[in-house]
């Protein structure tokens, strides 16, 4: 018998999570559009922000730790980029690496 997992399916199914084979957290609802979504989310091992810069736009993928509390609403990196006159680097995808939370090094990613 599978163990029920505390929490909610991110696809909106409710309290339907269980521990599946191989230790994967899975949604038990038959009509769930992505039963493995929790395991997919937890499988992302990226501690840094990933930023996609366009000519005059940017998108940020935040690390999972910023989803705790209200940290996502107070993201220093997002505020910093928004206040800039333009992108700090050429358009593309970058890993934002900071040792002090104030300045960032931009590591270019392939895609």
Protein backbone atom coordinates (compact mmCIF):
# COMPACT_ATOMS: atom_id res chain seq x y z
CA UNK A 1 0.00 0.00 0.00
CA UNK A 2 1.28 3.48 -0.87
CA UNK A 3 1.81 6.12 1.77
CA UNK A 4 -0.19 9.35 1.58
CA UNK A 5 2.00 12.44 1.26
CA UNK A 6 1.17 15.67 3.09
CA UNK A 7 0.52 18.57 0.72
CA UNK A 8 -1.39 19.43 -2.43
CA UNK A 9 -1.03 18.56 -6.09
CA UNK A 10 0.33 21.64 -7.93
CA UNK A 11 -2.10 20.91 -10.79
CA UNK A 12 -5.05 21.83 -8.54
CA UNK A 13 -6.25 18.30 -7.73
CA UNK A 14 -6.19 18.84 -3.96
CA UNK A 15 -4.78 16.63 -1.23
CA UNK A 16 -4.20 13.67 -3.56
CA UNK A 17 -0.47 12.99 -3.25
CA UNK A 18 1.08 9.65 -2.41
CA UNK A 19 4.52 8.08 -2.42
CA UNK A 20 4.76 6.03 -5.59
CA UNK A 21 7.24 3.40 -6.69
CA UNK A 22 10.87 4.47 -6.63
CA UNK A 23 10.08 7.19 -4.08
CA UNK A 24 8.35 9.49 -6.58
CA UNK A 25 5.60 11.71 -5.22
CA UNK A 26 2.57 11.22 -7.44
CA UNK A 27 -1.01 12.52 -7.71
CA UNK A 28 -3.65 9.82 -7.29
CA UNK A 29 -6.43 11.63 -9.19
CA UNK A 30 -7.22 9.80 -12.45
CA UNK A 31 -7.85 13.05 -14.33
CA UNK A 32 -4.70 14.84 -13.14
CA UNK A 33 -3.04 16.47 -16.19
CA UNK A 34 0.47 15.80 -14.77
CA UNK A 35 0.54 13.23 -11.93
CA UNK A 36 4.34 13.51 -11.58
CA UNK A 37 4.47 17.30 -11.35
CA UNK A 38 5.68 17.38 -7.72
CA UNK A 39 8.52 14.98 -8.46
CA UNK A 40 9.45 17.02 -11.56
CA UNK A 41 9.52 20.23 -9.50
CA UNK A 42 11.62 18.66 -6.75
CA UNK A 43 14.00 17.18 -9.31
CA UNK A 44 15.20 20.66 -10.33
CA UNK A 45 18.57 21.01 -8.65
CA UNK A 46 19.23 24.68 -9.48
CA UNK A 47 20.15 26.87 -6.48
CA UNK A 48 20.58 30.02 -8.62
CA UNK A 49 18.23 32.23 -10.60
CA UNK A 50 18.02 31.55 -14.33
CA UNK A 51 17.39 34.72 -16.33
CA UNK A 52 16.40 35.01 -19.97
CA UNK A 53 17.24 38.43 -21.39
CA UNK A 54 15.71 39.85 -24.55
CA UNK A 55 16.59 43.19 -26.13
CA UNK A 56 14.32 45.06 -23.68
CA UNK A 57 12.70 42.26 -21.63
CA UNK A 58 13.63 39.64 -19.09
CA UNK A 59 12.14 36.55 -17.45
CA UNK A 60 13.36 34.94 -14.24
CA UNK A 61 13.11 31.37 -13.03
CA UNK A 62 13.53 31.61 -9.26
CA UNK A 63 15.17 28.93 -7.11
CA UNK A 64 12.73 26.83 -5.07
CA UNK A 65 13.88 28.39 -1.78
CA UNK A 66 12.30 31.72 -2.82
CA UNK A 67 8.88 30.07 -2.86
CA UNK A 68 8.93 29.86 0.94
CA UNK A 69 7.09 32.65 2.72
CA UNK A 70 6.98 35.90 0.75
CA UNK A 71 10.57 35.74 -0.54
CA UNK A 72 9.40 35.49 -4.16
CA UNK A 73 7.67 38.88 -3.86
CA UNK A 74 10.84 40.42 -2.45
CA UNK A 75 13.36 39.03 -4.93
CA UNK A 76 16.37 41.36 -4.90
CA UNK A 77 17.58 40.16 -8.32
CA UNK A 78 14.22 40.87 -9.99
CA UNK A 79 14.14 44.37 -8.49
CA UNK A 80 17.74 45.01 -9.57
CA UNK A 81 17.13 43.97 -13.19
CA UNK A 82 13.85 45.91 -13.36
CA UNK A 83 15.66 49.10 -12.26
CA UNK A 84 18.31 48.78 -15.00
CA UNK A 85 18.16 50.82 -18.21
CA UNK A 86 18.77 47.68 -20.23
CA UNK A 87 20.05 44.14 -19.95
CA UNK A 88 23.49 43.82 -18.31
CA UNK A 89 24.50 41.20 -20.89
CA UNK A 90 23.69 40.20 -24.48
CA UNK A 91 20.28 38.57 -25.03
CA UNK A 92 20.20 34.92 -23.99
CA UNK A 93 19.83 32.65 -20.97
CA UNK A 94 22.09 33.11 -17.94
CA UNK A 95 22.64 31.74 -14.46
CA UNK A 96 22.84 34.63 -11.97
CA UNK A 97 25.50 33.84 -9.38
CA UNK A 98 25.91 36.03 -6.32
CA UNK A 99 28.07 35.63 -3.24
CA UNK A 100 26.75 38.69 -1.44
CA UNK A 101 23.16 39.06 -2.72
CA UNK A 102 24.01 42.48 -4.16
CA UNK A 103 26.22 41.94 -7.20
CA UNK A 104 25.85 39.16 -9.76
CA UNK A 105 28.05 37.29 -12.20
CA UNK A 106 26.27 36.13 -15.35
CA UNK A 107 27.08 32.61 -16.53
CA UNK A 108 25.90 32.07 -20.12
CA UNK A 109 23.83 28.93 -20.65
CA UNK A 110 23.63 27.05 -23.95
CA UNK A 111 19.87 27.40 -24.45
